[in-house]
C-alpha atoms as a PDB file:
ATOM      1  CA  MET A   1      50.049   2.096  67.570  1.00  0.00           C
ATOM      2  CA  LEU A   2      50.073   5.743  67.870  1.00  0.00           C
ATOM      3  CA  PRO A   3      53.003   7.846  66.294  1.00  0.00           C
ATOM      4  CA  THR A   4      55.584   9.059  68.535  1.00  0.00           C
ATOM      5  CA  LEU A   5      56.908  12.703  68.071  1.00  0.00           C
ATOM      6  CA  THR A   6      60.384  13.642  69.273  1.00  0.00           C
ATOM      7  CA  GLY A   7      61.189  17.357  68.378  1.00  0.00           C
ATOM      8  CA  VAL A   8      62.440  20.698  69.531  1.00  0.00           C
ATOM      9  CA  GLY A   9      59.765  23.242  70.029  1.00  0.00           C
ATOM     10  CA  ARG A  10      58.873  26.410  72.054  1.00  0.00           C
ATOM     11  CA  LEU A  11      56.201  27.068  74.586  1.00  0.00           C
ATOM     12  CA  THR A  12      53.758  29.546  73.503  1.00  0.00           C
ATOM     13  CA  SER A  13      52.412  30.121  77.088  1.00  0.00           C
ATOM     14  CA  ASP A  14      53.139  29.187  80.520  1.00  0.00           C
ATOM     15  CA  PRO A  15      52.211  25.565  81.406  1.00  0.00           C
ATOM     16  CA  GLU A  16      48.664  25.228  82.993  1.00  0.00           C
ATOM     17  CA  LEU A  17      48.417  22.909  86.173  1.00  0.00           C
ATOM     18  CA  ARG A  18      45.267  21.473  87.500  1.00  0.00           C
ATOM     19  CA  PHE A  19      44.288  18.397  89.428  1.00  0.00           C
ATOM     20  CA  THR A  20      41.578  15.741  88.669  1.00  0.00           C
ATOM     21  CA  GLN A  21      38.948  14.811  91.173  1.00  0.00           C
ATOM     22  CA  SER A  22      41.276  11.944  92.105  1.00  0.00           C
ATOM     23  CA  GLN A  23      44.069  14.392  92.807  1.00  0.00           C
ATOM     24  CA  LYS A  24      46.190  13.542  89.823  1.00  0.00           C
ATOM     25  CA  ALA A  25      48.134  16.427  88.406  1.00  0.00           C
ATOM     26  CA  VAL A  26      47.804  17.312  84.841  1.00  0.00           C
ATOM     27  CA  ALA A  27      49.681  20.166  82.961  1.00  0.00           C
ATOM     28  CA  SER A  28      48.873  21.437  79.441  1.00  0.00           C
ATOM     29  CA  VAL A  29      51.182  23.336  77.298  1.00  0.00           C
ATOM     30  CA  THR A  30      50.886  24.689  73.847  1.00  0.00           C
ATOM     31  CA  LEU A  31      53.933  23.894  71.694  1.00  0.00           C
ATOM     32  CA  ALA A  32      55.083  25.534  68.432  1.00  0.00           C
ATOM     33  CA  PHE A  33      57.428  23.479  66.096  1.00  0.00           C
ATOM     34  CA  ASN A  34      58.561  25.383  63.002  1.00  0.00           C
ATOM     35  CA  SER A  35      61.134  24.769  60.400  1.00  0.00           C
ATOM     36  CA  ARG A  36      63.757  27.337  59.315  1.00  0.00           C
ATOM     37  CA  ARG A  37      65.669  27.114  56.073  1.00  0.00           C
ATOM     38  CA  LEU A  38      68.639  29.006  54.651  1.00  0.00           C
ATOM     39  CA  ASN A  39      67.673  30.800  51.472  1.00  0.00           C
ATOM     40  CA  LYS A  40      70.853  30.326  49.414  1.00  0.00           C
ATOM     41  CA  GLN A  41      69.958  33.453  47.241  1.00  0.00           C
ATOM     42  CA  THR A  42      69.677  35.914  50.134  1.00  0.00           C
ATOM     43  CA  ASN A  43      71.768  33.942  52.535  1.00  0.00           C
ATOM     44  CA  GLU A  44      69.164  34.672  55.366  1.00  0.00           C
ATOM     45  CA  TRP A  45      66.997  32.308  57.343  1.00  0.00           C
ATOM     46  CA  GLU A  46      63.305  32.076  56.450  1.00  0.00           C
ATOM     47  CA  ASP A  47      60.522  30.500  58.639  1.00  0.00           C
ATOM     48  CA  GLY A  48      58.728  27.483  57.011  1.00  0.00           C
ATOM     49  CA  ASP A  49      55.412  25.939  58.168  1.00  0.00           C
ATOM     50  CA  THR A  50      54.591  26.036  61.842  1.00  0.00           C
ATOM     51  CA  PHE A  51      52.796  23.136  63.666  1.00  0.00           C
ATOM     52  CA  PHE A  52      50.974  23.951  66.872  1.00  0.00           C
ATOM     53  CA  VAL A  53      50.072  21.253  69.259  1.00  0.00           C
ATOM     54  CA  ARG A  54      48.516  21.168  72.728  1.00  0.00           C
ATOM     55  CA  GLY A  55      50.667  18.879  74.953  1.00  0.00           C
ATOM     56  CA  THR A  56      49.712  17.123  78.249  1.00  0.00           C
ATOM     57  CA  ALA A  57      51.851  15.691  81.014  1.00  0.00           C
ATOM     58  CA  TRP A  58      50.347  13.741  83.920  1.00  0.00           C
ATOM     59  CA  GLU A  59      51.210  13.191  87.658  1.00  0.00           C
ATOM     60  CA  ARG A  60      54.834  14.219  88.738  1.00  0.00           C
ATOM     61  CA  LEU A  61      55.993  15.101  85.284  1.00  0.00           C
ATOM     62  CA  ALA A  62      53.163  17.467  85.210  1.00  0.00           C
ATOM     63  CA  GLU A  63      54.180  19.154  88.505  1.00  0.00           C
ATOM     64  CA  SER A  64      57.800  19.410  87.264  1.00  0.00           C
ATOM     65  CA  VAL A  65      56.668  20.956  83.946  1.00  0.00           C
ATOM     66  CA  ALA A  66      54.831  23.525  85.878  1.00  0.00           C
ATOM     67  CA  GLU A  67      57.666  24.329  88.336  1.00  0.00           C
ATOM     68  CA  SER A  68      60.408  24.375  85.734  1.00  0.00           C
ATOM     69  CA  LEU A  69      59.195  25.581  82.265  1.00  0.00           C
ATOM     70  CA  ALA A  70      57.725  28.865  81.164  1.00  0.00           C
ATOM     71  CA  LYS A  71      56.466  30.727  77.959  1.00  0.00           C
ATOM     72  CA  GLY A  72      59.112  31.247  75.512  1.00  0.00           C
ATOM     73  CA  MET A  73      61.444  28.409  76.454  1.00  0.00           C
ATOM     74  CA  GLU A  74      62.715  26.078  73.710  1.00  0.00           C
ATOM     75  CA  VAL A  75      62.169  22.444  74.853  1.00  0.00           C
ATOM     76  CA  ILE A  76      62.989  19.127  73.598  1.00  0.00           C
ATOM     77  CA  VAL A  77      59.935  16.792  73.943  1.00  0.00           C
ATOM     78  CA  THR A  78      58.896  13.264  73.187  1.00  0.00           C
ATOM     79  CA  GLY A  79      55.326  12.039  73.316  1.00  0.00           C
ATOM     80  CA  GLU A  80      52.669  10.234  71.589  1.00  0.00           C
ATOM     81  CA  LEU A  81      50.544  12.162  68.867  1.00  0.00           C
ATOM     82  CA  ARG A  82      46.646  11.721  69.274  1.00  0.00           C
ATOM     83  CA  THR A  83      43.589  13.238  68.082  1.00  0.00           C
ATOM     84  CA  GLU A  84      41.234  15.012  70.561  1.00  0.00           C
ATOM     85  CA  ARG A  85      37.595  14.952  69.592  1.00  0.00           C
ATOM     86  CA  TRP A  86      34.726  16.882  71.168  1.00  0.00           C
ATOM     87  CA  GLU A  87      31.396  18.335  70.386  1.00  0.00           C
ATOM     88  CA  LYS A  88      30.037  21.708  71.162  1.00  0.00           C
ATOM     89  CA  ASP A  89      26.750  23.245  70.191  1.00  0.00           C
ATOM     90  CA  GLY A  90      26.069  20.271  67.904  1.00  0.00           C
ATOM     91  CA  GLN A  91      29.426  20.872  65.983  1.00  0.00           C
ATOM     92  CA  LYS A  92      32.015  18.214  65.941  1.00  0.00           C
ATOM     93  CA  TYR A  93      35.602  19.240  66.379  1.00  0.00           C
ATOM     94  CA  GLU A  94      39.212  17.641  66.307  1.00  0.00           C
ATOM     95  CA  ARG A  95      42.720  18.604  66.679  1.00  0.00           C
ATOM     96  CA  PRO A  96      46.224  16.921  67.176  1.00  0.00           C
ATOM     97  CA  ALA A  97      47.353  16.476  70.804  1.00  0.00           C
ATOM     98  CA  LEU A  98      50.505  15.345  72.377  1.00  0.00           C
ATOM     99  CA  LEU A  99      50.603  13.042  75.388  1.00  0.00           C
ATOM    100  CA  ILE A 100      54.126  13.984  76.738  1.00  0.00           C
ATOM    101  CA  ARG A 101      56.402  11.372  77.948  1.00  0.00           C
ATOM    102  CA  SER A 102      59.505  13.562  78.596  1.00  0.00           C
ATOM    103  CA  ILE A 103      60.329  17.221  78.254  1.00  0.00           C
ATOM    104  CA  ALA A 104      63.267  19.304  79.006  1.00  0.00           C
ATOM    105  CA  PRO A 105      64.793  22.789  78.455  1.00  0.00           C
ATOM    106  CA  ASN A 106      67.045  22.975  75.349  1.00  0.00           C
ATOM    107  CA  LEU A 107      70.410  23.563  76.832  1.00  0.00           C
ATOM    108  CA  ALA A 108      71.655  25.217  73.668  1.00  0.00           C
ATOM    109  CA  TYR A 109      69.967  28.354  74.905  1.00  0.00           C
ATOM    110  CA  ALA A 110      69.534  27.781  78.584  1.00  0.00           C
ATOM    111  CA  VAL A 111      71.320  26.607  81.847  1.00  0.00           C
ATOM    112  CA  ALA A 112      69.591  24.175  84.084  1.00  0.00           C
ATOM    113  CA  GLN A 113      70.637  22.815  87.434  1.00  0.00           C
ATOM    114  CA  VAL A 114      68.944  19.354  87.941  1.00  0.00           C
ATOM    115  CA  SER A 115      68.508  17.589  91.075  1.00  0.00           C
ATOM    116  CA  LYS A 116      66.731  14.307  91.864  1.00  0.00           C
ATOM    117  CA  ASP A 117      63.024  14.395  92.740  1.00  0.00           C
ATOM    118  CA  ALA A 118      62.910  12.606  96.095  1.00  0.00           C
ATOM    119  CA  ALA A 119      58.991  12.517  95.870  1.00  0.00           C
ATOM    120  CA  GLY A 120      59.156  10.961  92.445  1.00  0.00           C
ATOM    121  CA  GLN A 121      61.795   8.356  93.396  1.00  0.00           C
ATOM    122  CA  GLN A 122      59.610   7.225  96.418  1.00  0.00           C
ATOM    123  CA  ASN A 123      56.577   7.054  94.353  1.00  0.00           C
ATOM    124  CA  ALA A 124      58.498   4.812  91.757  1.00  0.00           C
ATOM    125  CA  GLN A 125      59.451   2.683  94.721  1.00  0.00           C
ATOM    126  CA  GLY A 126      55.876   2.193  96.004  1.00  0.00           C
ATOM    127  CA  GLY A 127      55.947   5.209  98.242  1.00  0.00           C
ATOM    128  CA  GLN A 128      53.215   7.821  98.705  1.00  0.00           C
ATOM    129  CA  HIS A 129      51.515  10.143  96.319  1.00  0.00           C
ATOM    130  CA  PRO A 130      53.947  12.326  94.454  1.00  0.00           C
ATOM    131  CA  GLY A 131      52.072  15.427  95.445  1.00  0.00           C
ATOM    132  CA  ALA A 132      52.399  14.478  99.160  1.00  0.00           C
ATOM    133  CA  GLN A 133      56.101  15.651  99.621  1.00  0.00           C
ATOM    134  CA  GLN A 134      56.740  19.286  98.425  1.00  0.00           C
ATOM    135  CA  ARG A 135      60.171  20.006  96.831  1.00  0.00           C
ATOM    136  CA  PRO A 136      62.410  22.553  98.870  1.00  0.00           C
ATOM    137  CA  GLN A 137      62.321  26.004  97.342  1.00  0.00           C
ATOM    138  CA  GLY A 138      65.286  26.822  95.301  1.00  0.00           C
ATOM    139  CA  GLN A 139      66.223  23.027  94.774  1.00  0.00           C
ATOM    140  CA  GLN A 140      65.688  23.309  91.054  1.00  0.00           C
ATOM    141  CA  GLN A 141      66.800  26.357  89.279  1.00  0.00           C
ATOM    142  CA  TYR A 142      66.515  27.330  85.618  1.00  0.00           C
ATOM    143  CA  ARG A 143      68.219  30.343  83.914  1.00  0.00           C
ATOM    144  CA  GLN A 144      67.521  31.165  80.209  1.00  0.00           C
ATOM    145  CA  GLY A 145      70.155  33.003  78.251  1.00  0.00           C
ATOM    146  CA  PRO A 146      69.454  35.396  75.585  1.00  0.00           C
ATOM    147  CA  PRO A 147      67.900  33.791  72.445  1.00  0.00           C
ATOM    148  CA  PRO A 148      69.584  34.270  68.991  1.00  0.00           C
ATOM    149  CA  GLN A 149      68.663  37.639  67.353  1.00  0.00           C
ATOM    150  CA  ASP A 150      66.966  35.712  64.526  1.00  0.00           C
ATOM    151  CA  ASP A 151      64.728  33.856  66.615  1.00  0.00           C
ATOM    152  CA  PRO A 152      61.162  34.691  65.738  1.00  0.00           C
ATOM    153  CA  TRP A 153      59.585  33.055  68.787  1.00  0.00           C
ATOM    154  CA  ALA A 154      61.611  35.175  71.390  1.00  0.00           C
ATOM    155  CA  THR A 155      59.554  37.682  73.258  1.00  0.00           C
ATOM    156  CA  GLY A 156      61.038  40.980  73.736  1.00  0.00           C
ATOM    157  CA  PRO A 157      60.521  43.482  76.556  1.00  0.00           C
ATOM    158  CA  GLY A 158      56.742  44.562  76.944  1.00  0.00           C
ATOM    159  CA  ASN A 159      55.744  41.776  74.359  1.00  0.00           C
ATOM    160  CA  ASN A 160      53.666  39.198  76.093  1.00  0.00           C
ATOM    161  CA  GLU A 161      51.911  37.715  73.334  1.00  0.00           C
ATOM    162  CA  PRO A 162      53.143  34.989  70.924  1.00  0.00           C
ATOM    163  CA  PRO A 163      53.873  36.015  67.337  1.00  0.00           C
ATOM    164  CA  PHE A 164      50.929  34.459  65.852  1.00  0.00           C
END
């Protein structure tokens, strides 16, 4: 059994949506999880270790991720931790990966207007392929409020790179 991760992280880039040869949607996101501790001597917050993981969502969830989330957003995510392995130029590599089961914006720093996904509901009831119906424009909205001033992952004006 694979370990399950549930946590609060931040997207370090916009989701990447692509389709397999069989037309299944797949979205990839890079997530950063970090720990913050209050230094009781200085009474200031300090960053601890940061864990970066590449997350993957499939099918209708992948399409919703691509439509709803963007770089810098804080999200609550649940998924199964796995190890990706590959070989390149005779060298073997591996890294942790997350198979995303659910993901949503953290409403502590954002406002989201949620609507039922008619295409996903039909698919769950044996309807057509989830990509066959398009969601009307403007049906799902996301507004992100300003992050806390002590947030190290927040991107300021003109800063398009993550802080690592």
